[in-house]
Amino acid sequence: MIDTYNFQTPRNIFEKLQRDSNRLDKVMDGDYMFNFISTAYHLQEWIKKSPVKSSVAVKRFVKRLNQDENLKICGEILSASKHFMVSPVEEGCQLNVDGVCVDAEKFKKDIMELYDVFFKLK
């Protein structure tokens, strides 16, 4: 069966983020991590440009997104200001961002929880 994906709303992009997250649960690798980072970061823009962008709740949420340290890291990676490497856990640092060891599972979980709050309400 062929899945059809529709990318017209922030929820559609959030669903893609969920799929990216699920792939990382199965295989933690650089390609999947880059896809997750890209989707997580760009989801902000979809929310900012959504029809409900002028509501107080959305403005508050966008402000929270702008202040989130993990999303800042995503933006720095996507702009090539920082570089990252994914390694097996046995090597000590699963996600290395410009020499700083980041817990990849926590990084992914924190981003998912941030967006989950918004999409459970919307």
PDB file of N, CA and C in Angstrom:
ATOM      1  N   MET A   1       0.841  -1.178   0.000  1.00  0.00           N
ATOM      2  CA  MET A   1       0.000   0.000   0.000  1.00  0.00           C
ATOM      3  C   MET A   1       0.889   1.246   0.000  1.00  0.00           C
ATOM      4  N   ILE A   2       0.551   2.197  -0.819  1.00  0.00           N
ATOM      5  CA  ILE A   2       1.307   3.434  -0.931  1.00  0.00           C
ATOM      6  C   ILE A   2       0.656   4.485  -0.039  1.00  0.00           C
ATOM      7  N   ASP A   3       1.472   5.095   0.815  1.00  0.00           N
ATOM      8  CA  ASP A   3       0.967   6.168   1.672  1.00  0.00           C
ATOM      9  C   ASP A   3       1.004   7.484   0.918  1.00  0.00           C
ATOM     10  N   THR A   4      -0.019   8.270   1.080  1.00  0.00           N
ATOM     11  CA  THR A   4      -0.057   9.606   0.505  1.00  0.00           C
ATOM     12  C   THR A   4       0.129  10.595   1.636  1.00  0.00           C
ATOM     13  N   TYR A   5       1.067  11.490   1.460  1.00  0.00           N
ATOM     14  CA  TYR A   5       1.338  12.491   2.482  1.00  0.00           C
ATOM     15  C   TYR A   5       0.925  13.856   1.965  1.00  0.00           C
ATOM     16  N   ASN A   6       0.239  14.578   2.803  1.00  0.00           N
ATOM     17  CA  ASN A   6      -0.268  15.893   2.475  1.00  0.00           C
ATOM     18  C   ASN A   6       0.485  16.906   3.332  1.00  0.00           C
ATOM     19  N   PHE A   7       1.097  17.886   2.714  1.00  0.00           N
ATOM     20  CA  PHE A   7       1.855  18.897   3.459  1.00  0.00           C
ATOM     21  C   PHE A   7       1.254  20.275   3.189  1.00  0.00           C
ATOM     22  N   GLN A   8       0.177  20.560   3.931  1.00  0.00           N
ATOM     23  CA  GLN A   8      -0.508  21.831   3.750  1.00  0.00           C
ATOM     24  C   GLN A   8      -0.699  22.597   5.045  1.00  0.00           C
ATOM     25  N   THR A   9      -0.569  21.920   6.166  1.00  0.00           N
ATOM     26  CA  THR A   9      -0.834  22.562   7.451  1.00  0.00           C
ATOM     27  C   THR A   9       0.289  22.245   8.438  1.00  0.00           C
ATOM     28  N   PRO A  10       0.404  23.022   9.499  1.00  0.00           N
ATOM     29  CA  PRO A  10       1.383  22.689  10.543  1.00  0.00           C
ATOM     30  C   PRO A  10       1.174  21.273  11.101  1.00  0.00           C
ATOM     31  N   ARG A  11      -0.061  20.835  11.211  1.00  0.00           N
ATOM     32  CA  ARG A  11      -0.312  19.481  11.719  1.00  0.00           C
ATOM     33  C   ARG A  11       0.310  18.433  10.797  1.00  0.00           C
ATOM     34  N   ASN A  12       0.232  18.650   9.496  1.00  0.00           N
ATOM     35  CA  ASN A  12       0.861  17.716   8.554  1.00  0.00           C
ATOM     36  C   ASN A  12       2.366  17.627   8.798  1.00  0.00           C
ATOM     37  N   ILE A  13       2.983  18.761   9.058  1.00  0.00           N
ATOM     38  CA  ILE A  13       4.429  18.783   9.308  1.00  0.00           C
ATOM     39  C   ILE A  13       4.724  18.144  10.664  1.00  0.00           C
ATOM     40  N   PHE A  14       3.861  18.367  11.637  1.00  0.00           N
ATOM     41  CA  PHE A  14       4.028  17.712  12.933  1.00  0.00           C
ATOM     42  C   PHE A  14       3.942  16.189  12.789  1.00  0.00           C
ATOM     43  N   GLU A  15       3.028  15.724  11.959  1.00  0.00           N
ATOM     44  CA  GLU A  15       2.921  14.282  11.719  1.00  0.00           C
ATOM     45  C   GLU A  15       4.192  13.739  11.083  1.00  0.00           C
ATOM     46  N   LYS A  16       4.807  14.521  10.198  1.00  0.00           N
ATOM     47  CA  LYS A  16       6.101  14.122   9.623  1.00  0.00           C
ATOM     48  C   LYS A  16       7.160  14.070  10.718  1.00  0.00           C
ATOM     49  N   LEU A  17       7.145  15.046  11.623  1.00  0.00           N
ATOM     50  CA  LEU A  17       8.093  15.053  12.738  1.00  0.00           C
ATOM     51  C   LEU A  17       7.923  13.794  13.584  1.00  0.00           C
ATOM     52  N   GLN A  18       6.689  13.388  13.793  1.00  0.00           N
ATOM     53  CA  GLN A  18       6.432  12.158  14.545  1.00  0.00           C
ATOM     54  C   GLN A  18       7.021  10.943  13.813  1.00  0.00           C
ATOM     55  N   ARG A  19       6.862  10.896  12.491  1.00  0.00           N
ATOM     56  CA  ARG A  19       7.442   9.793  11.716  1.00  0.00           C
ATOM     57  C   ARG A  19       8.962   9.820  11.803  1.00  0.00           C
ATOM     58  N   ASP A  20       9.547  11.018  11.713  1.00  0.00           N
ATOM     59  CA  ASP A  20      11.004  11.153  11.842  1.00  0.00           C
ATOM     60  C   ASP A  20      11.468  10.659  13.209  1.00  0.00           C
ATOM     61  N   SER A  21      10.729  11.013  14.243  1.00  0.00           N
ATOM     62  CA  SER A  21      11.053  10.590  15.608  1.00  0.00           C
ATOM     63  C   SER A  21      10.980   9.071  15.739  1.00  0.00           C
ATOM     64  N   ASN A  22       9.948   8.475  15.155  1.00  0.00           N
ATOM     65  CA  ASN A  22       9.799   7.020  15.204  1.00  0.00           C
ATOM     66  C   ASN A  22      10.948   6.313  14.499  1.00  0.00           C
ATOM     67  N   ARG A  23      11.410   6.876  13.399  1.00  0.00           N
ATOM     68  CA  ARG A  23      12.557   6.279  12.695  1.00  0.00           C
ATOM     69  C   ARG A  23      13.804   6.314  13.582  1.00  0.00           C
ATOM     70  N   LEU A  24      13.981   7.426  14.298  1.00  0.00           N
ATOM     71  CA  LEU A  24      15.129   7.529  15.203  1.00  0.00           C
ATOM     72  C   LEU A  24      15.029   6.541  16.355  1.00  0.00           C
ATOM     73  N   ASP A  25      13.810   6.197  16.755  1.00  0.00           N
ATOM     74  CA  ASP A  25      13.636   5.191  17.805  1.00  0.00           C
ATOM     75  C   ASP A  25      14.158   3.834  17.344  1.00  0.00           C
ATOM     76  N   LYS A  26      14.033   3.572  16.053  1.00  0.00           N
ATOM     77  CA  LYS A  26      14.478   2.290  15.497  1.00  0.00           C
ATOM     78  C   LYS A  26      15.960   2.305  15.143  1.00  0.00           C
ATOM     79  N   VAL A  27      16.405   3.391  14.509  1.00  0.00           N
ATOM     80  CA  VAL A  27      17.802   3.505  14.072  1.00  0.00           C
ATOM     81  C   VAL A  27      18.267   4.938  14.311  1.00  0.00           C
ATOM     82  N   MET A  28      19.230   5.103  15.190  1.00  0.00           N
ATOM     83  CA  MET A  28      19.776   6.434  15.454  1.00  0.00           C
ATOM     84  C   MET A  28      20.950   6.634  14.487  1.00  0.00           C
ATOM     85  N   ASP A  29      20.678   7.347  13.403  1.00  0.00           N
ATOM     86  CA  ASP A  29      21.772   7.630  12.473  1.00  0.00           C
ATOM     87  C   ASP A  29      21.722   9.084  12.019  1.00  0.00           C
ATOM     88  N   GLY A  30      22.763   9.509  11.350  1.00  0.00           N
ATOM     89  CA  GLY A  30      22.901  10.906  10.961  1.00  0.00           C
ATOM     90  C   GLY A  30      21.844  11.388   9.994  1.00  0.00           C
ATOM     91  N   ASP A  31      21.488  10.558   9.015  1.00  0.00           N
ATOM     92  CA  ASP A  31      20.478  10.965   8.041  1.00  0.00           C
ATOM     93  C   ASP A  31      19.120  11.184   8.711  1.00  0.00           C
ATOM     94  N   TYR A  32      18.724  10.229   9.558  1.00  0.00           N
ATOM     95  CA  TYR A  32      17.446  10.375  10.252  1.00  0.00           C
ATOM     96  C   TYR A  32      17.470  11.554  11.212  1.00  0.00           C
ATOM     97  N   MET A  33      18.606  11.762  11.878  1.00  0.00           N
ATOM     98  CA  MET A  33      18.713  12.891  12.803  1.00  0.00           C
ATOM     99  C   MET A  33      18.621  14.210  12.041  1.00  0.00           C
ATOM    100  N   PHE A  34      19.282  14.301  10.890  1.00  0.00           N
ATOM    101  CA  PHE A  34      19.219  15.535  10.104  1.00  0.00           C
ATOM    102  C   PHE A  34      17.782  15.792   9.642  1.00  0.00           C
ATOM    103  N   ASN A  35      17.075  14.755   9.211  1.00  0.00           N
ATOM    104  CA  ASN A  35      15.674  14.919   8.815  1.00  0.00           C
ATOM    105  C   ASN A  35      14.836  15.416   9.986  1.00  0.00           C
ATOM    106  N   PHE A  36      15.059  14.831  11.162  1.00  0.00           N
ATOM    107  CA  PHE A  36      14.324  15.242  12.361  1.00  0.00           C
ATOM    108  C   PHE A  36      14.616  16.705  12.690  1.00  0.00           C
ATOM    109  N   ILE A  37      15.891  17.075  12.686  1.00  0.00           N
ATOM    110  CA  ILE A  37      16.306  18.444  12.992  1.00  0.00           C
ATOM    111  C   ILE A  37      15.677  19.434  12.013  1.00  0.00           C
ATOM    112  N   SER A  38      15.719  19.095  10.743  1.00  0.00           N
ATOM    113  CA  SER A  38      15.165  19.977   9.712  1.00  0.00           C
ATOM    114  C   SER A  38      13.653  20.155   9.881  1.00  0.00           C
ATOM    115  N   THR A  39      12.962  19.054  10.091  1.00  0.00           N
ATOM    116  CA  THR A  39      11.507  19.134  10.261  1.00  0.00           C
ATOM    117  C   THR A  39      11.150  19.916  11.519  1.00  0.00           C
ATOM    118  N   ALA A  40      11.840  19.617  12.620  1.00  0.00           N
ATOM    119  CA  ALA A  40      11.552  20.302  13.893  1.00  0.00           C
ATOM    120  C   ALA A  40      11.755  21.803  13.757  1.00  0.00           C
ATOM    121  N   TYR A  41      12.832  22.194  13.119  1.00  0.00           N
ATOM    122  CA  TYR A  41      13.126  23.614  12.998  1.00  0.00           C
ATOM    123  C   TYR A  41      12.119  24.312  12.073  1.00  0.00           C
ATOM    124  N   HIS A  42      11.834  23.719  10.942  1.00  0.00           N
ATOM    125  CA  HIS A  42      10.954  24.368   9.969  1.00  0.00           C
ATOM    126  C   HIS A  42       9.487  24.333  10.366  1.00  0.00           C
ATOM    127  N   LEU A  43       9.121  23.462  11.274  1.00  0.00           N
ATOM    128  CA  LEU A  43       7.747  23.447  11.770  1.00  0.00           C
ATOM    129  C   LEU A  43       7.380  24.793  12.401  1.00  0.00           C
ATOM    130  N   GLN A  44       8.359  25.461  12.981  1.00  0.00           N
ATOM    131  CA  GLN A  44       8.113  26.796  13.559  1.00  0.00           C
ATOM    132  C   GLN A  44       7.541  27.740  12.506  1.00  0.00           C
ATOM    133  N   GLU A  45       8.140  27.716  11.316  1.00  0.00           N
ATOM    134  CA  GLU A  45       7.693  28.616  10.241  1.00  0.00           C
ATOM    135  C   GLU A  45       6.267  28.290   9.801  1.00  0.00           C
ATOM    136  N   TRP A  46       5.943  27.012   9.763  1.00  0.00           N
ATOM    137  CA  TRP A  46       4.588  26.614   9.390  1.00  0.00           C
ATOM    138  C   TRP A  46       3.588  27.129  10.413  1.00  0.00           C
ATOM    139  N   ILE A  47       3.955  27.083  11.684  1.00  0.00           N
ATOM    140  CA  ILE A  47       3.065  27.579  12.738  1.00  0.00           C
ATOM    141  C   ILE A  47       2.945  29.101  12.635  1.00  0.00           C
ATOM    142  N   LYS A  48       4.066  29.781  12.411  1.00  0.00           N
ATOM    143  CA  LYS A  48       4.059  31.248  12.300  1.00  0.00           C
ATOM    144  C   LYS A  48       3.211  31.735  11.133  1.00  0.00           C
ATOM    145  N   LYS A  49       3.102  30.926  10.079  1.00  0.00           N
ATOM    146  CA  LYS A  49       2.365  31.339   8.885  1.00  0.00           C
ATOM    147  C   LYS A  49       0.988  30.690   8.786  1.00  0.00           C
ATOM    148  N   SER A  50       0.553  30.048   9.845  1.00  0.00           N
ATOM    149  CA  SER A  50      -0.753  29.371   9.831  1.00  0.00           C
ATOM    150  C   SER A  50      -1.884  30.394   9.964  1.00  0.00           C
ATOM    151  N   PRO A  51      -3.091  30.007   9.606  1.00  0.00           N
ATOM    152  CA  PRO A  51      -4.230  30.921   9.707  1.00  0.00           C
ATOM    153  C   PRO A  51      -4.509  31.409  11.131  1.00  0.00           C
ATOM    154  N   VAL A  52      -4.080  30.655  12.144  1.00  0.00           N
ATOM    155  CA  VAL A  52      -4.345  31.045  13.534  1.00  0.00           C
ATOM    156  C   VAL A  52      -3.178  31.815  14.154  1.00  0.00           C
ATOM    157  N   LYS A  53      -2.255  32.284  13.300  1.00  0.00           N
ATOM    158  CA  LYS A  53      -1.035  32.932  13.787  1.00  0.00           C
ATOM    159  C   LYS A  53      -1.280  34.164  14.648  1.00  0.00           C
ATOM    160  N   SER A  54      -2.412  34.813  14.484  1.00  0.00           N
ATOM    161  CA  SER A  54      -2.663  36.045  15.241  1.00  0.00           C
ATOM    162  C   SER A  54      -3.289  35.790  16.610  1.00  0.00           C
ATOM    163  N   SER A  55      -3.621  34.540  16.912  1.00  0.00           N
ATOM    164  CA  SER A  55      -4.213  34.273  18.223  1.00  0.00           C
ATOM    165  C   SER A  55      -3.160  34.434  19.319  1.00  0.00           C
ATOM    166  N   VAL A  56      -3.596  34.812  20.484  1.00  0.00           N
ATOM    167  CA  VAL A  56      -2.693  35.036  21.613  1.00  0.00           C
ATOM    168  C   VAL A  56      -1.944  33.760  21.968  1.00  0.00           C
ATOM    169  N   ALA A  57      -2.638  32.635  21.958  1.00  0.00           N
ATOM    170  CA  ALA A  57      -2.011  31.356  22.320  1.00  0.00           C
ATOM    171  C   ALA A  57      -0.894  31.004  21.342  1.00  0.00           C
ATOM    172  N   VAL A  58      -1.125  31.212  20.049  1.00  0.00           N
ATOM    173  CA  VAL A  58      -0.105  30.898  19.053  1.00  0.00           C
ATOM    174  C   VAL A  58       1.079  31.855  19.186  1.00  0.00           C
ATOM    175  N   LYS A  59       0.808  33.114  19.415  1.00  0.00           N
ATOM    176  CA  LYS A  59       1.904  34.079  19.604  1.00  0.00           C
ATOM    177  C   LYS A  59       2.763  33.698  20.808  1.00  0.00           C
ATOM    178  N   ARG A  60       2.118  33.271  21.888  1.00  0.00           N
ATOM    179  CA  ARG A  60       2.851  32.828  23.080  1.00  0.00           C
ATOM    180  C   ARG A  60       3.697  31.598  22.778  1.00  0.00           C
ATOM    181  N   PHE A  61       3.101  30.658  22.040  1.00  0.00           N
ATOM    182  CA  PHE A  61       3.808  29.432  21.710  1.00  0.00           C
ATOM    183  C   PHE A  61       5.001  29.714  20.802  1.00  0.00           C
ATOM    184  N   VAL A  62       4.827  30.591  19.829  1.00  0.00           N
ATOM    185  CA  VAL A  62       5.925  30.955  18.929  1.00  0.00           C
ATOM    186  C   VAL A  62       7.061  31.598  19.722  1.00  0.00           C
ATOM    187  N   LYS A  63       6.722  32.424  20.684  1.00  0.00           N
ATOM    188  CA  LYS A  63       7.747  33.033  21.538  1.00  0.00           C
ATOM    189  C   LYS A  63       8.510  31.941  22.293  1.00  0.00           C
ATOM    190  N   ARG A  64       7.779  30.956  22.793  1.00  0.00           N
ATOM    191  CA  ARG A  64       8.414  29.836  23.500  1.00  0.00           C
ATOM    192  C   ARG A  64       9.338  29.052  22.559  1.00  0.00           C
ATOM    193  N   LEU A  65       8.890  28.832  21.324  1.00  0.00           N
ATOM    194  CA  LEU A  65       9.721  28.135  20.339  1.00  0.00           C
ATOM    195  C   LEU A  65      11.002  28.909  20.064  1.00  0.00           C
ATOM    196  N   ASN A  66      10.880  30.230  19.935  1.00  0.00           N
ATOM    197  CA  ASN A  66      12.046  31.072  19.653  1.00  0.00           C
ATOM    198  C   ASN A  66      13.082  31.032  20.771  1.00  0.00           C
ATOM    199  N   GLN A  67      12.647  30.727  21.989  1.00  0.00           N
ATOM    200  CA  GLN A  67      13.550  30.695  23.139  1.00  0.00           C
ATOM    201  C   GLN A  67      14.093  29.299  23.443  1.00  0.00           C
ATOM    202  N   ASP A  68      13.573  28.283  22.758  1.00  0.00           N
ATOM    203  CA  ASP A  68      13.963  26.903  23.052  1.00  0.00           C
ATOM    204  C   ASP A  68      15.401  26.627  22.592  1.00  0.00           C
ATOM    205  N   GLU A  69      16.224  26.157  23.521  1.00  0.00           N
ATOM    206  CA  GLU A  69      17.644  25.909  23.224  1.00  0.00           C
ATOM    207  C   GLU A  69      17.837  24.803  22.189  1.00  0.00           C
ATOM    208  N   ASN A  70      17.024  23.763  22.247  1.00  0.00           N
ATOM    209  CA  ASN A  70      17.169  22.678  21.278  1.00  0.00           C
ATOM    210  C   ASN A  70      16.846  23.147  19.865  1.00  0.00           C
ATOM    211  N   LEU A  71      15.823  23.978  19.718  1.00  0.00           N
ATOM    212  CA  LEU A  71      15.493  24.495  18.392  1.00  0.00           C
ATOM    213  C   LEU A  71      16.549  25.481  17.908  1.00  0.00           C
ATOM    214  N   LYS A  72      17.196  26.173  18.832  1.00  0.00           N
ATOM    215  CA  LYS A  72      18.317  27.040  18.445  1.00  0.00           C
ATOM    216  C   LYS A  72      19.456  26.198  17.880  1.00  0.00           C
ATOM    217  N   ILE A  73      19.720  25.063  18.512  1.00  0.00           N
ATOM    218  CA  ILE A  73      20.749  24.144  18.003  1.00  0.00           C
ATOM    219  C   ILE A  73      20.365  23.654  16.608  1.00  0.00           C
ATOM    220  N   CYS A  74      19.094  23.311  16.432  1.00  0.00           N
ATOM    221  CA  CYS A  74      18.622  22.883  15.111  1.00  0.00           C
ATOM    222  C   CYS A  74      18.894  23.957  14.059  1.00  0.00           C
ATOM    223  N   GLY A  75      18.575  25.194  14.382  1.00  0.00           N
ATOM    224  CA  GLY A  75      18.794  26.303  13.456  1.00  0.00           C
ATOM    225  C   GLY A  75      20.265  26.500  13.137  1.00  0.00           C
ATOM    226  N   GLU A  76      21.117  26.353  14.141  1.00  0.00           N
ATOM    227  CA  GLU A  76      22.555  26.513  13.926  1.00  0.00           C
ATOM    228  C   GLU A  76      23.104  25.393  13.047  1.00  0.00           C
ATOM    229  N   ILE A  77      22.582  24.197  13.203  1.00  0.00           N
ATOM    230  CA  ILE A  77      23.005  23.085  12.346  1.00  0.00           C
ATOM    231  C   ILE A  77      22.542  23.327  10.911  1.00  0.00           C
ATOM    232  N   LEU A  78      21.310  23.744  10.745  1.00  0.00           N
ATOM    233  CA  LEU A  78      20.766  23.958   9.401  1.00  0.00           C
ATOM    234  C   LEU A  78      21.424  25.131   8.680  1.00  0.00           C
ATOM    235  N   SER A  79      21.919  26.100   9.426  1.00  0.00           N
ATOM    236  CA  SER A  79      22.602  27.235   8.795  1.00  0.00           C
ATOM    237  C   SER A  79      24.105  26.991   8.662  1.00  0.00           C
ATOM    238  N   ALA A  80      24.553  25.801   9.041  1.00  0.00           N
ATOM    239  CA  ALA A  80      25.962  25.395   8.987  1.00  0.00           C
ATOM    240  C   ALA A  80      26.841  26.186   9.952  1.00  0.00           C
ATOM    241  N   SER A  81      26.224  26.809  10.958  1.00  0.00           N
ATOM    242  CA  SER A  81      26.994  27.489  12.002  1.00  0.00           C
ATOM    243  C   SER A  81      27.595  26.470  12.965  1.00  0.00           C
ATOM    244  N   LYS A  82      26.905  25.337  13.114  1.00  0.00           N
ATOM    245  CA  LYS A  82      27.390  24.238  13.940  1.00  0.00           C
ATOM    246  C   LYS A  82      27.279  22.965  13.127  1.00  0.00           C
ATOM    247  N   HIS A  83      28.116  22.007  13.470  1.00  0.00           N
ATOM    248  CA  HIS A  83      28.112  20.723  12.785  1.00  0.00           C
ATOM    249  C   HIS A  83      27.816  19.635  13.811  1.00  0.00           C
ATOM    250  N   PHE A  84      27.305  18.507  13.328  1.00  0.00           N
ATOM    251  CA  PHE A  84      26.982  17.450  14.273  1.00  0.00           C
ATOM    252  C   PHE A  84      27.429  16.101  13.733  1.00  0.00           C
ATOM    253  N   MET A  85      27.528  15.159  14.654  1.00  0.00           N
ATOM    254  CA  MET A  85      27.912  13.807  14.318  1.00  0.00           C
ATOM    255  C   MET A  85      27.117  12.869  15.214  1.00  0.00           C
ATOM    256  N   VAL A  86      26.613  11.799  14.637  1.00  0.00           N
ATOM    257  CA  VAL A  86      25.894  10.782  15.397  1.00  0.00           C
ATOM    258  C   VAL A  86      26.780   9.546  15.459  1.00  0.00           C
ATOM    259  N   SER A  87      26.972   9.029  16.667  1.00  0.00           N
ATOM    260  CA  SER A  87      27.815   7.859  16.880  1.00  0.00           C
ATOM    261  C   SER A  87      27.079   6.842  17.739  1.00  0.00           C
ATOM    262  N   PRO A  88      27.519   5.575  17.669  1.00  0.00           N
ATOM    263  CA  PRO A  88      26.928   4.581  18.576  1.00  0.00           C
ATOM    264  C   PRO A  88      27.157   4.960  20.033  1.00  0.00           C
ATOM    265  N   VAL A  89      26.244   4.574  20.894  1.00  0.00           N
ATOM    266  CA  VAL A  89      26.321   4.915  22.318  1.00  0.00           C
ATOM    267  C   VAL A  89      27.625   4.403  22.927  1.00  0.00           C
ATOM    268  N   GLU A  90      28.100   3.249  22.454  1.00  0.00           N
ATOM    269  CA  GLU A  90      29.317   2.663  23.024  1.00  0.00           C
ATOM    270  C   GLU A  90      30.522   3.597  22.888  1.00  0.00           C
ATOM    271  N   GLU A  91      30.486   4.499  21.916  1.00  0.00           N
ATOM    272  CA  GLU A  91      31.606   5.413  21.709  1.00  0.00           C
ATOM    273  C   GLU A  91      31.551   6.613  22.646  1.00  0.00           C
ATOM    274  N   GLY A  92      30.568   6.671  23.498  1.00  0.00           N
ATOM    275  CA  GLY A  92      30.530   7.688  24.538  1.00  0.00           C
ATOM    276  C   GLY A  92      29.632   8.869  24.284  1.00  0.00           C
ATOM    277  N   CYS A  93      29.545   9.334  23.063  1.00  0.00           N
ATOM    278  CA  CYS A  93      28.722  10.509  22.764  1.00  0.00           C
ATOM    279  C   CYS A  93      27.866  10.214  21.550  1.00  0.00           C
ATOM    280  N   GLN A  94      26.584  10.051  21.767  1.00  0.00           N
ATOM    281  CA  GLN A  94      25.698   9.673  20.675  1.00  0.00           C
ATOM    282  C   GLN A  94      25.451  10.830  19.702  1.00  0.00           C
ATOM    283  N   LEU A  95      25.315  12.036  20.222  1.00  0.00           N
ATOM    284  CA  LEU A  95      25.107  13.210  19.376  1.00  0.00           C
ATOM    285  C   LEU A  95      26.132  14.263  19.784  1.00  0.00           C
ATOM    286  N   ASN A  96      27.034  14.545  18.871  1.00  0.00           N
ATOM    287  CA  ASN A  96      28.104  15.497  19.128  1.00  0.00           C
ATOM    288  C   ASN A  96      27.832  16.731  18.281  1.00  0.00           C
ATOM    289  N   VAL A  97      27.595  17.870  18.939  1.00  0.00           N
ATOM    290  CA  VAL A  97      27.319  19.129  18.247  1.00  0.00           C
ATOM    291  C   VAL A  97      28.482  20.066  18.509  1.00  0.00           C
ATOM    292  N   ASP A  98      29.331  20.222  17.508  1.00  0.00           N
ATOM    293  CA  ASP A  98      30.532  21.058  17.621  1.00  0.00           C
ATOM    294  C   ASP A  98      31.342  20.750  18.884  1.00  0.00           C
ATOM    295  N   GLY A  99      31.551  19.475  19.138  1.00  0.00           N
ATOM    296  CA  GLY A  99      32.371  19.073  20.272  1.00  0.00           C
ATOM    297  C   GLY A  99      31.637  18.955  21.595  1.00  0.00           C
ATOM    298  N   VAL A 100      30.368  19.308  21.610  1.00  0.00           N
ATOM    299  CA  VAL A 100      29.575  19.212  22.832  1.00  0.00           C
ATOM    300  C   VAL A 100      28.698  17.963  22.740  1.00  0.00           C
ATOM    301  N   CYS A 101      28.800  17.120  23.744  1.00  0.00           N
ATOM    302  CA  CYS A 101      28.019  15.888  23.774  1.00  0.00           C
ATOM    303  C   CYS A 101      26.586  16.194  24.191  1.00  0.00           C
ATOM    304  N   VAL A 102      25.650  15.755  23.364  1.00  0.00           N
ATOM    305  CA  VAL A 102      24.227  15.968  23.622  1.00  0.00           C
ATOM    306  C   VAL A 102      23.566  14.591  23.682  1.00  0.00           C
ATOM    307  N   ASP A 103      22.731  14.369  24.667  1.00  0.00           N
ATOM    308  CA  ASP A 103      21.980  13.128  24.759  1.00  0.00           C
ATOM    309  C   ASP A 103      20.930  13.136  23.640  1.00  0.00           C
ATOM    310  N   ALA A 104      21.139  12.317  22.621  1.00  0.00           N
ATOM    311  CA  ALA A 104      20.277  12.330  21.438  1.00  0.00           C
ATOM    312  C   ALA A 104      18.831  11.986  21.779  1.00  0.00           C
ATOM    313  N   GLU A 105      18.636  11.024  22.651  1.00  0.00           N
ATOM    314  CA  GLU A 105      17.277  10.634  23.027  1.00  0.00           C
ATOM    315  C   GLU A 105      16.559  11.762  23.759  1.00  0.00           C
ATOM    316  N   LYS A 106      17.255  12.409  24.675  1.00  0.00           N
ATOM    317  CA  LYS A 106      16.662  13.524  25.427  1.00  0.00           C
ATOM    318  C   LYS A 106      16.378  14.698  24.485  1.00  0.00           C
ATOM    319  N   PHE A 107      17.311  14.990  23.596  1.00  0.00           N
ATOM    320  CA  PHE A 107      17.166  16.049  22.612  1.00  0.00           C
ATOM    321  C   PHE A 107      15.878  15.833  21.803  1.00  0.00           C
ATOM    322  N   LYS A 108      15.709  14.639  21.266  1.00  0.00           N
ATOM    323  CA  LYS A 108      14.534  14.290  20.473  1.00  0.00           C
ATOM    324  C   LYS A 108      13.268  14.341  21.328  1.00  0.00           C
ATOM    325  N   LYS A 109      13.339  13.768  22.516  1.00  0.00           N
ATOM    326  CA  LYS A 109      12.178  13.721  23.417  1.00  0.00           C
ATOM    327  C   LYS A 109      11.733  15.130  23.816  1.00  0.00           C
ATOM    328  N   ASP A 110      12.682  15.994  24.144  1.00  0.00           N
ATOM    329  CA  ASP A 110      12.340  17.358  24.552  1.00  0.00           C
ATOM    330  C   ASP A 110      11.666  18.136  23.419  1.00  0.00           C
ATOM    331  N   ILE A 111      12.158  17.963  22.204  1.00  0.00           N
ATOM    332  CA  ILE A 111      11.544  18.643  21.061  1.00  0.00           C
ATOM    333  C   ILE A 111      10.135  18.106  20.824  1.00  0.00           C
ATOM    334  N   MET A 112       9.979  16.787  20.899  1.00  0.00           N
ATOM    335  CA  MET A 112       8.652  16.199  20.694  1.00  0.00           C
ATOM    336  C   MET A 112       7.675  16.675  21.765  1.00  0.00           C
ATOM    337  N   GLU A 113       8.114  16.735  23.008  1.00  0.00           N
ATOM    338  CA  GLU A 113       7.234  17.203  24.087  1.00  0.00           C
ATOM    339  C   GLU A 113       6.841  18.659  23.892  1.00  0.00           C
ATOM    340  N   LEU A 114       7.772  19.472  23.418  1.00  0.00           N
ATOM    341  CA  LEU A 114       7.488  20.880  23.166  1.00  0.00           C
ATOM    342  C   LEU A 114       6.345  21.021  22.155  1.00  0.00           C
ATOM    343  N   TYR A 115       6.451  20.326  21.049  1.00  0.00           N
ATOM    344  CA  TYR A 115       5.413  20.411  20.019  1.00  0.00           C
ATOM    345  C   TYR A 115       4.144  19.658  20.404  1.00  0.00           C
ATOM    346  N   ASP A 116       4.284  18.549  21.138  1.00  0.00           N
ATOM    347  CA  ASP A 116       3.103  17.773  21.562  1.00  0.00           C
ATOM    348  C   ASP A 116       2.119  18.646  22.326  1.00  0.00           C
ATOM    349  N   VAL A 117       2.623  19.494  23.201  1.00  0.00           N
ATOM    350  CA  VAL A 117       1.758  20.367  23.992  1.00  0.00           C
ATOM    351  C   VAL A 117       0.872  21.206  23.077  1.00  0.00           C
ATOM    352  N   PHE A 118       1.456  21.786  22.058  1.00  0.00           N
ATOM    353  CA  PHE A 118       0.708  22.639  21.142  1.00  0.00           C
ATOM    354  C   PHE A 118      -0.315  21.846  20.352  1.00  0.00           C
ATOM    355  N   PHE A 119       0.097  20.720  19.787  1.00  0.00           N
ATOM    356  CA  PHE A 119      -0.793  19.981  18.901  1.00  0.00           C
ATOM    357  C   PHE A 119      -1.851  19.170  19.634  1.00  0.00           C
ATOM    358  N   LYS A 120      -1.690  18.959  20.921  1.00  0.00           N
ATOM    359  CA  LYS A 120      -2.760  18.330  21.688  1.00  0.00           C
ATOM    360  C   LYS A 120      -3.901  19.317  21.905  1.00  0.00           C
ATOM    361  N   LEU A 121      -3.564  20.597  21.921  1.00  0.00           N
ATOM    362  CA  LEU A 121      -4.580  21.637  22.114  1.00  0.00           C
ATOM    363  C   LEU A 121      -5.207  22.088  20.804  1.00  0.00           C
ATOM    364  N   LYS A 122      -4.482  21.995  19.713  1.00  0.00           N
ATOM    365  CA  LYS A 122      -4.949  22.497  18.424  1.00  0.00           C
ATOM    366  C   LYS A 122      -5.476  21.385  17.556  1.00  0.00           C
TER     367      LYS A 122
END
